[in-house]
Amino acid sequence: MKCPHCTVNFHDNWVESYFERGNYHVIETLDEKKLYWFYRTTYCPECKRVVIEVSQRDSKASAAQWRQIYPTGASRGPVSPEVPKDIAADYLEACNVLPISAKASAALSRRCLQSILHQAGYRARDLAKELDLLLSEPDPRKAIPHQLRETVDAIRHFGNFSAHPIDDKTTLQIIDVEPHEAEWCLEVIEDLFLHFYVAPAAAKAKKDALNAKLAAGGKPPAK
């Protein structure tokens, strides 16, 4: 997993237990079913900090839906300064609300994705059509890499992620997604940051440095 504190990947080793009140589990009832509260922790060997998640389930449940409660946000940064501030702000907010609401995170990711596409010149009736324009880009200099094409294409199937238009950017549509789908959306956005903003800036910096050397040697700039 990726540590939500320092963003370094490590092999998670969860230690699970249950909450206690005296000698009893903390129990709630729902439709005559006893629900138990559990917690689990893991430790990041890089930053030496702990991650804590909680879950509520009945005693016979074999699988659990865990919710991260510490740290409260999902740290995935830092965001490169080349990324426009408004887009970076949506992305960071999507990261922070992910442990609380996958739906809210996906809605912010969706707006962030559409903003990236609009800045790149891909505009259509809705996000699905804009993604089609991106995936069918005929210019090889602008086309996204094959691996990124596959992931961008895949997110269109996440709970109608791309089906509805966003007419008013101050209004976010809530879309049903699974937590892992919302996290995947963030990863796709990070890859798009690299493609549209970080890599071009790095290439320009290298070319500028080369041209500075050429100019110092009395040679014409590189084309």
C-alpha atoms as a PDB file:
ATOM      1  CA  MET A   1       0.000   0.000   0.000  1.00  0.00           C
ATOM      2  CA  LYS A   2       0.976   3.654  -0.277  1.00  0.00           C
ATOM      3  CA  CYS A   3       1.475   5.336   3.075  1.00  0.00           C
ATOM      4  CA  PRO A   4      -1.119   8.117   3.504  1.00  0.00           C
ATOM      5  CA  HIS A   5       1.437  10.066   5.563  1.00  0.00           C
ATOM      6  CA  CYS A   6       4.559  10.057   3.381  1.00  0.00           C
ATOM      7  CA  THR A   7       3.218   8.435   0.135  1.00  0.00           C
ATOM      8  CA  VAL A   8       5.985   5.781   0.124  1.00  0.00           C
ATOM      9  CA  ASN A   9       4.872   2.267  -0.878  1.00  0.00           C
ATOM     10  CA  PHE A  10       5.299  -0.506   1.683  1.00  0.00           C
ATOM     11  CA  HIS A  11       3.993  -4.016   2.387  1.00  0.00           C
ATOM     12  CA  ASP A  12       1.146  -3.515   4.835  1.00  0.00           C
ATOM     13  CA  ASN A  13       0.805  -5.858   7.784  1.00  0.00           C
ATOM     14  CA  TRP A  14      -2.488  -5.118   9.537  1.00  0.00           C
ATOM     15  CA  VAL A  15      -3.083  -5.927  13.190  1.00  0.00           C
ATOM     16  CA  GLU A  16      -6.834  -6.255  13.876  1.00  0.00           C
ATOM     17  CA  SER A  17      -8.793  -6.122  17.122  1.00  0.00           C
ATOM     18  CA  TYR A  18     -12.186  -5.033  18.457  1.00  0.00           C
ATOM     19  CA  PHE A  19     -13.308  -2.189  20.670  1.00  0.00           C
ATOM     20  CA  GLU A  20     -13.993  -3.096  24.272  1.00  0.00           C
ATOM     21  CA  ARG A  21     -16.251  -1.713  26.966  1.00  0.00           C
ATOM     22  CA  GLY A  22     -15.394  -3.585  30.132  1.00  0.00           C
ATOM     23  CA  ASN A  23     -15.360  -7.234  29.082  1.00  0.00           C
ATOM     24  CA  TYR A  24     -17.809  -6.821  26.186  1.00  0.00           C
ATOM     25  CA  HIS A  25     -17.558  -5.956  22.532  1.00  0.00           C
ATOM     26  CA  VAL A  26     -19.189  -2.667  21.583  1.00  0.00           C
ATOM     27  CA  ILE A  27     -22.411  -3.908  19.980  1.00  0.00           C
ATOM     28  CA  GLU A  28     -25.158  -2.189  18.000  1.00  0.00           C
ATOM     29  CA  THR A  29     -28.232  -3.821  16.476  1.00  0.00           C
ATOM     30  CA  LEU A  30     -29.617  -3.333  13.003  1.00  0.00           C
ATOM     31  CA  ASP A  31     -32.645  -5.379  11.888  1.00  0.00           C
ATOM     32  CA  GLU A  32     -31.991  -7.739  14.810  1.00  0.00           C
ATOM     33  CA  LYS A  33     -28.418  -8.350  13.648  1.00  0.00           C
ATOM     34  CA  LYS A  34     -25.586  -7.745  16.091  1.00  0.00           C
ATOM     35  CA  LEU A  35     -22.946  -5.427  14.656  1.00  0.00           C
ATOM     36  CA  TYR A  36     -19.456  -5.286  16.092  1.00  0.00           C
ATOM     37  CA  TRP A  37     -16.957  -2.435  15.779  1.00  0.00           C
ATOM     38  CA  PHE A  38     -13.419  -3.479  14.838  1.00  0.00           C
ATOM     39  CA  TYR A  39     -10.237  -1.546  14.253  1.00  0.00           C
ATOM     40  CA  ARG A  40      -6.935  -2.366  12.618  1.00  0.00           C
ATOM     41  CA  THR A  41      -3.550  -0.652  12.464  1.00  0.00           C
ATOM     42  CA  THR A  42      -0.467  -0.842  10.311  1.00  0.00           C
ATOM     43  CA  TYR A  43       2.933   0.814  10.560  1.00  0.00           C
ATOM     44  CA  CYS A  44       4.921   2.593   7.854  1.00  0.00           C
ATOM     45  CA  PRO A  45       8.606   1.599   8.092  1.00  0.00           C
ATOM     46  CA  GLU A  46       9.624   4.733   6.174  1.00  0.00           C
ATOM     47  CA  CYS A  47       8.060   7.574   8.179  1.00  0.00           C
ATOM     48  CA  LYS A  48       7.464   5.523  11.378  1.00  0.00           C
ATOM     49  CA  ARG A  49       3.810   6.579  11.595  1.00  0.00           C
ATOM     50  CA  VAL A  50       0.677   4.527  12.131  1.00  0.00           C
ATOM     51  CA  VAL A  51      -2.418   4.152   9.925  1.00  0.00           C
ATOM     52  CA  ILE A  52      -5.736   3.330  11.632  1.00  0.00           C
ATOM     53  CA  GLU A  53      -8.937   2.006  10.043  1.00  0.00           C
ATOM     54  CA  VAL A  54     -12.299   1.005  11.535  1.00  0.00           C
ATOM     55  CA  SER A  55     -15.067  -1.323  10.392  1.00  0.00           C
ATOM     56  CA  GLN A  56     -18.544  -2.320  11.509  1.00  0.00           C
ATOM     57  CA  ARG A  57     -19.761  -5.821  10.710  1.00  0.00           C
ATOM     58  CA  ASP A  58     -21.518  -8.810  12.187  1.00  0.00           C
ATOM     59  CA  SER A  59     -19.509 -11.534  13.847  1.00  0.00           C
ATOM     60  CA  LYS A  60     -19.900 -13.970  10.949  1.00  0.00           C
ATOM     61  CA  ALA A  61     -18.806 -11.584   8.201  1.00  0.00           C
ATOM     62  CA  SER A  62     -15.693 -12.765   6.401  1.00  0.00           C
ATOM     63  CA  ALA A  63     -15.033  -9.464   4.598  1.00  0.00           C
ATOM     64  CA  ALA A  64     -15.169  -5.902   5.881  1.00  0.00           C
ATOM     65  CA  GLN A  65     -15.481  -2.408   4.474  1.00  0.00           C
ATOM     66  CA  TRP A  66     -12.697  -0.528   6.228  1.00  0.00           C
ATOM     67  CA  ARG A  67     -12.654   3.249   6.658  1.00  0.00           C
ATOM     68  CA  GLN A  68      -9.453   5.135   7.346  1.00  0.00           C
ATOM     69  CA  ILE A  69      -9.732   7.417  10.373  1.00  0.00           C
ATOM     70  CA  TYR A  70      -6.059   8.314  10.859  1.00  0.00           C
ATOM     71  CA  PRO A  71      -4.681  10.199   9.099  1.00  0.00           C
ATOM     72  CA  THR A  72      -7.934  11.871   8.075  1.00  0.00           C
ATOM     73  CA  GLY A  73      -6.813  12.578   4.497  1.00  0.00           C
ATOM     74  CA  ALA A  74      -5.290  10.423   1.764  1.00  0.00           C
ATOM     75  CA  SER A  75      -1.925  12.022   1.070  1.00  0.00           C
ATOM     76  CA  ARG A  76      -0.929  11.472  -2.542  1.00  0.00           C
ATOM     77  CA  GLY A  77       1.058  14.632  -3.263  1.00  0.00           C
ATOM     78  CA  PRO A  78       2.947  16.682  -3.721  1.00  0.00           C
ATOM     79  CA  VAL A  79       1.402  18.231  -6.826  1.00  0.00           C
ATOM     80  CA  SER A  80       3.914  19.582  -9.312  1.00  0.00           C
ATOM     81  CA  PRO A  81       3.941  23.399  -9.583  1.00  0.00           C
ATOM     82  CA  GLU A  82       3.393  23.018 -13.335  1.00  0.00           C
ATOM     83  CA  VAL A  83      -0.194  21.875 -12.682  1.00  0.00           C
ATOM     84  CA  PRO A  84      -2.692  24.799 -12.783  1.00  0.00           C
ATOM     85  CA  LYS A  85      -3.706  25.838  -9.281  1.00  0.00           C
ATOM     86  CA  ASP A  86      -7.455  25.339  -9.740  1.00  0.00           C
ATOM     87  CA  ILE A  87      -6.958  21.804 -11.056  1.00  0.00           C
ATOM     88  CA  ALA A  88      -4.453  20.991  -8.299  1.00  0.00           C
ATOM     89  CA  ALA A  89      -6.936  22.242  -5.684  1.00  0.00           C
ATOM     90  CA  ASP A  90      -9.690  19.905  -6.961  1.00  0.00           C
ATOM     91  CA  TYR A  91      -7.240  17.006  -6.996  1.00  0.00           C
ATOM     92  CA  LEU A  92      -6.016  17.612  -3.439  1.00  0.00           C
ATOM     93  CA  GLU A  93      -9.575  17.918  -2.150  1.00  0.00           C
ATOM     94  CA  ALA A  94     -10.464  14.648  -3.901  1.00  0.00           C
ATOM     95  CA  CYS A  95      -7.531  13.036  -2.082  1.00  0.00           C
ATOM     96  CA  ASN A  96      -8.555  14.435   1.290  1.00  0.00           C
ATOM     97  CA  VAL A  97     -12.190  13.296   1.151  1.00  0.00           C
ATOM     98  CA  LEU A  98     -11.435   9.800  -0.207  1.00  0.00           C
ATOM     99  CA  PRO A  99     -11.264   8.111   3.236  1.00  0.00           C
ATOM    100  CA  ILE A 100     -14.615   9.729   4.139  1.00  0.00           C
ATOM    101  CA  SER A 101     -16.566   9.417   0.880  1.00  0.00           C
ATOM    102  CA  ALA A 102     -15.513   7.638  -2.309  1.00  0.00           C
ATOM    103  CA  LYS A 103     -18.498   9.231  -4.084  1.00  0.00           C
ATOM    104  CA  ALA A 104     -17.434  12.769  -3.183  1.00  0.00           C
ATOM    105  CA  SER A 105     -13.840  12.021  -4.155  1.00  0.00           C
ATOM    106  CA  ALA A 106     -14.944  10.659  -7.542  1.00  0.00           C
ATOM    107  CA  ALA A 107     -17.095  13.730  -8.171  1.00  0.00           C
ATOM    108  CA  LEU A 108     -14.109  16.009  -7.569  1.00  0.00           C
ATOM    109  CA  SER A 109     -11.868  13.758  -9.672  1.00  0.00           C
ATOM    110  CA  ARG A 110     -14.407  13.940 -12.470  1.00  0.00           C
ATOM    111  CA  ARG A 111     -14.382  17.739 -12.432  1.00  0.00           C
ATOM    112  CA  CYS A 112     -10.580  17.728 -12.266  1.00  0.00           C
ATOM    113  CA  LEU A 113     -10.396  15.380 -15.269  1.00  0.00           C
ATOM    114  CA  GLN A 114     -12.785  17.516 -17.305  1.00  0.00           C
ATOM    115  CA  SER A 115     -10.754  20.652 -16.492  1.00  0.00           C
ATOM    116  CA  ILE A 116      -7.590  18.944 -17.748  1.00  0.00           C
ATOM    117  CA  LEU A 117      -9.305  17.957 -20.990  1.00  0.00           C
ATOM    118  CA  HIS A 118     -10.737  21.434 -21.530  1.00  0.00           C
ATOM    119  CA  GLN A 119      -7.327  23.063 -21.066  1.00  0.00           C
ATOM    120  CA  ALA A 120      -5.913  20.605 -23.589  1.00  0.00           C
ATOM    121  CA  GLY A 121      -8.604  21.589 -26.117  1.00  0.00           C
ATOM    122  CA  TYR A 122     -10.905  18.557 -25.803  1.00  0.00           C
ATOM    123  CA  ARG A 123     -14.448  19.925 -25.479  1.00  0.00           C
ATOM    124  CA  ALA A 124     -17.685  18.116 -26.241  1.00  0.00           C
ATOM    125  CA  ARG A 125     -21.248  17.620 -24.955  1.00  0.00           C
ATOM    126  CA  ASP A 126     -20.168  15.525 -21.982  1.00  0.00           C
ATOM    127  CA  LEU A 127     -17.102  13.956 -20.424  1.00  0.00           C
ATOM    128  CA  ALA A 128     -17.549  10.670 -22.285  1.00  0.00           C
ATOM    129  CA  LYS A 129     -17.329  12.475 -25.649  1.00  0.00           C
ATOM    130  CA  GLU A 130     -14.325  14.459 -24.453  1.00  0.00           C
ATOM    131  CA  LEU A 131     -12.570  11.262 -23.462  1.00  0.00           C
ATOM    132  CA  ASP A 132     -13.322   9.898 -26.934  1.00  0.00           C
ATOM    133  CA  LEU A 133     -11.592  12.952 -28.426  1.00  0.00           C
ATOM    134  CA  LEU A 134      -8.563  12.369 -26.218  1.00  0.00           C
ATOM    135  CA  LEU A 135      -8.351   8.675 -27.069  1.00  0.00           C
ATOM    136  CA  SER A 136      -8.733   9.315 -30.800  1.00  0.00           C
ATOM    137  CA  GLU A 137      -6.134  12.110 -30.943  1.00  0.00           C
ATOM    138  CA  PRO A 138      -4.528  11.823 -34.429  1.00  0.00           C
ATOM    139  CA  ASP A 139      -1.434  13.902 -33.640  1.00  0.00           C
ATOM    140  CA  PRO A 140       1.279  11.530 -32.318  1.00  0.00           C
ATOM    141  CA  ARG A 141       2.894  14.436 -30.474  1.00  0.00           C
ATOM    142  CA  LYS A 142      -0.276  14.927 -28.416  1.00  0.00           C
ATOM    143  CA  ALA A 143      -1.508  11.334 -28.128  1.00  0.00           C
ATOM    144  CA  ILE A 144      -1.285   9.766 -24.671  1.00  0.00           C
ATOM    145  CA  PRO A 145       0.831   6.616 -24.146  1.00  0.00           C
ATOM    146  CA  HIS A 146      -0.762   3.206 -24.693  1.00  0.00           C
ATOM    147  CA  GLN A 147      -0.770   2.241 -21.012  1.00  0.00           C
ATOM    148  CA  LEU A 148      -2.460   5.492 -20.053  1.00  0.00           C
ATOM    149  CA  ARG A 149      -4.986   5.020 -22.864  1.00  0.00           C
ATOM    150  CA  GLU A 150      -6.138   1.764 -21.278  1.00  0.00           C
ATOM    151  CA  THR A 151      -6.667   3.254 -17.818  1.00  0.00           C
ATOM    152  CA  VAL A 152      -8.390   6.386 -19.135  1.00  0.00           C
ATOM    153  CA  ASP A 153     -10.724   4.209 -21.173  1.00  0.00           C
ATOM    154  CA  ALA A 154     -11.448   1.988 -18.161  1.00  0.00           C
ATOM    155  CA  ILE A 155     -12.690   4.751 -15.851  1.00  0.00           C
ATOM    156  CA  ARG A 156     -15.620   5.424 -18.170  1.00  0.00           C
ATOM    157  CA  HIS A 157     -17.217   2.268 -16.788  1.00  0.00           C
ATOM    158  CA  PHE A 158     -17.058   3.355 -13.152  1.00  0.00           C
ATOM    159  CA  GLY A 159     -20.670   4.044 -12.140  1.00  0.00           C
ATOM    160  CA  ASN A 160     -21.419   6.255 -15.174  1.00  0.00           C
ATOM    161  CA  PHE A 161     -18.356   8.286 -14.240  1.00  0.00           C
ATOM    162  CA  SER A 162     -18.247  10.037 -17.596  1.00  0.00           C
ATOM    163  CA  ALA A 163     -21.853   9.821 -18.784  1.00  0.00           C
ATOM    164  CA  HIS A 164     -23.314  13.027 -17.371  1.00  0.00           C
ATOM    165  CA  PRO A 165     -22.386  16.541 -18.530  1.00  0.00           C
ATOM    166  CA  ILE A 166     -21.180  19.153 -16.065  1.00  0.00           C
ATOM    167  CA  ASP A 167     -22.867  22.393 -17.045  1.00  0.00           C
ATOM    168  CA  ASP A 168     -22.227  24.309 -13.820  1.00  0.00           C
ATOM    169  CA  LYS A 169     -18.776  23.701 -12.382  1.00  0.00           C
ATOM    170  CA  THR A 170     -19.908  24.825  -8.950  1.00  0.00           C
ATOM    171  CA  THR A 171     -22.278  21.845  -8.822  1.00  0.00           C
ATOM    172  CA  LEU A 172     -20.764  18.391  -8.402  1.00  0.00           C
ATOM    173  CA  GLN A 173     -22.770  15.343  -9.373  1.00  0.00           C
ATOM    174  CA  ILE A 174     -22.512  12.421  -6.962  1.00  0.00           C
ATOM    175  CA  ILE A 175     -21.817   9.153  -8.755  1.00  0.00           C
ATOM    176  CA  ASP A 176     -21.867   5.647  -7.325  1.00  0.00           C
ATOM    177  CA  VAL A 177     -18.336   4.242  -7.287  1.00  0.00           C
ATOM    178  CA  GLU A 178     -16.414   1.757  -5.202  1.00  0.00           C
ATOM    179  CA  PRO A 179     -13.518   3.029  -3.018  1.00  0.00           C
ATOM    180  CA  HIS A 180     -10.917   1.319  -5.231  1.00  0.00           C
ATOM    181  CA  GLU A 181     -12.480   2.967  -8.307  1.00  0.00           C
ATOM    182  CA  ALA A 182     -12.257   6.422  -6.723  1.00  0.00           C
ATOM    183  CA  GLU A 183      -8.604   5.787  -5.865  1.00  0.00           C
ATOM    184  CA  TRP A 184      -7.934   4.603  -9.413  1.00  0.00           C
ATOM    185  CA  CYS A 185      -9.395   7.873 -10.717  1.00  0.00           C
ATOM    186  CA  LEU A 186      -6.815   9.760  -8.651  1.00  0.00           C
ATOM    187  CA  GLU A 187      -4.026   7.631 -10.106  1.00  0.00           C
ATOM    188  CA  VAL A 188      -5.228   8.348 -13.646  1.00  0.00           C
ATOM    189  CA  ILE A 189      -5.274  12.079 -12.902  1.00  0.00           C
ATOM    190  CA  GLU A 190      -1.701  11.866 -11.586  1.00  0.00           C
ATOM    191  CA  ASP A 191      -0.654  10.205 -14.862  1.00  0.00           C
ATOM    192  CA  LEU A 192      -2.427  12.946 -16.835  1.00  0.00           C
ATOM    193  CA  PHE A 193      -0.606  15.578 -14.773  1.00  0.00           C
ATOM    194  CA  LEU A 194       2.646  13.964 -15.852  1.00  0.00           C
ATOM    195  CA  HIS A 195       1.615  13.822 -19.524  1.00  0.00           C
ATOM    196  CA  PHE A 196       0.090  17.284 -19.926  1.00  0.00           C
ATOM    197  CA  TYR A 197       2.103  19.412 -17.506  1.00  0.00           C
ATOM    198  CA  VAL A 198       5.180  17.840 -15.912  1.00  0.00           C
ATOM    199  CA  ALA A 199       6.770  16.081 -18.903  1.00  0.00           C
ATOM    200  CA  PRO A 200       6.366  19.063 -21.308  1.00  0.00           C
ATOM    201  CA  ALA A 201       7.867  21.406 -18.696  1.00  0.00           C
ATOM    202  CA  ALA A 202      10.825  19.054 -18.181  1.00  0.00           C
ATOM    203  CA  ALA A 203      11.367  18.750 -21.936  1.00  0.00           C
ATOM    204  CA  LYS A 204      11.290  22.535 -22.320  1.00  0.00           C
ATOM    205  CA  ALA A 205      13.782  22.968 -19.491  1.00  0.00           C
ATOM    206  CA  LYS A 206      16.183  20.507 -21.157  1.00  0.00           C
ATOM    207  CA  LYS A 207      15.829  22.242 -24.518  1.00  0.00           C
ATOM    208  CA  ASP A 208      16.372  25.654 -22.966  1.00  0.00           C
ATOM    209  CA  ALA A 209      19.546  24.394 -21.262  1.00  0.00           C
ATOM    210  CA  LEU A 210      20.786  22.929 -24.555  1.00  0.00           C
ATOM    211  CA  ASN A 211      20.089  26.163 -26.408  1.00  0.00           C
ATOM    212  CA  ALA A 212      21.940  28.122 -23.736  1.00  0.00           C
ATOM    213  CA  LYS A 213      25.010  25.930 -24.289  1.00  0.00           C
ATOM    214  CA  LEU A 214      24.691  26.286 -28.059  1.00  0.00           C
ATOM    215  CA  ALA A 215      24.386  30.049 -27.782  1.00  0.00           C
ATOM    216  CA  ALA A 216      27.470  30.193 -25.566  1.00  0.00           C
ATOM    217  CA  GLY A 217      29.359  28.334 -28.267  1.00  0.00           C
ATOM    218  CA  GLY A 218      28.107  30.645 -30.990  1.00  0.00           C
ATOM    219  CA  LYS A 219      25.848  28.000 -32.557  1.00  0.00           C
ATOM    220  CA  PRO A 220      22.178  28.314 -33.625  1.00  0.00           C
ATOM    221  CA  PRO A 221      19.487  26.978 -31.292  1.00  0.00           C
ATOM    222  CA  ALA A 222      18.140  23.453 -31.658  1.00  0.00           C
ATOM    223  CA  LYS A 223      14.950  23.047 -33.649  1.00  0.00           C
END
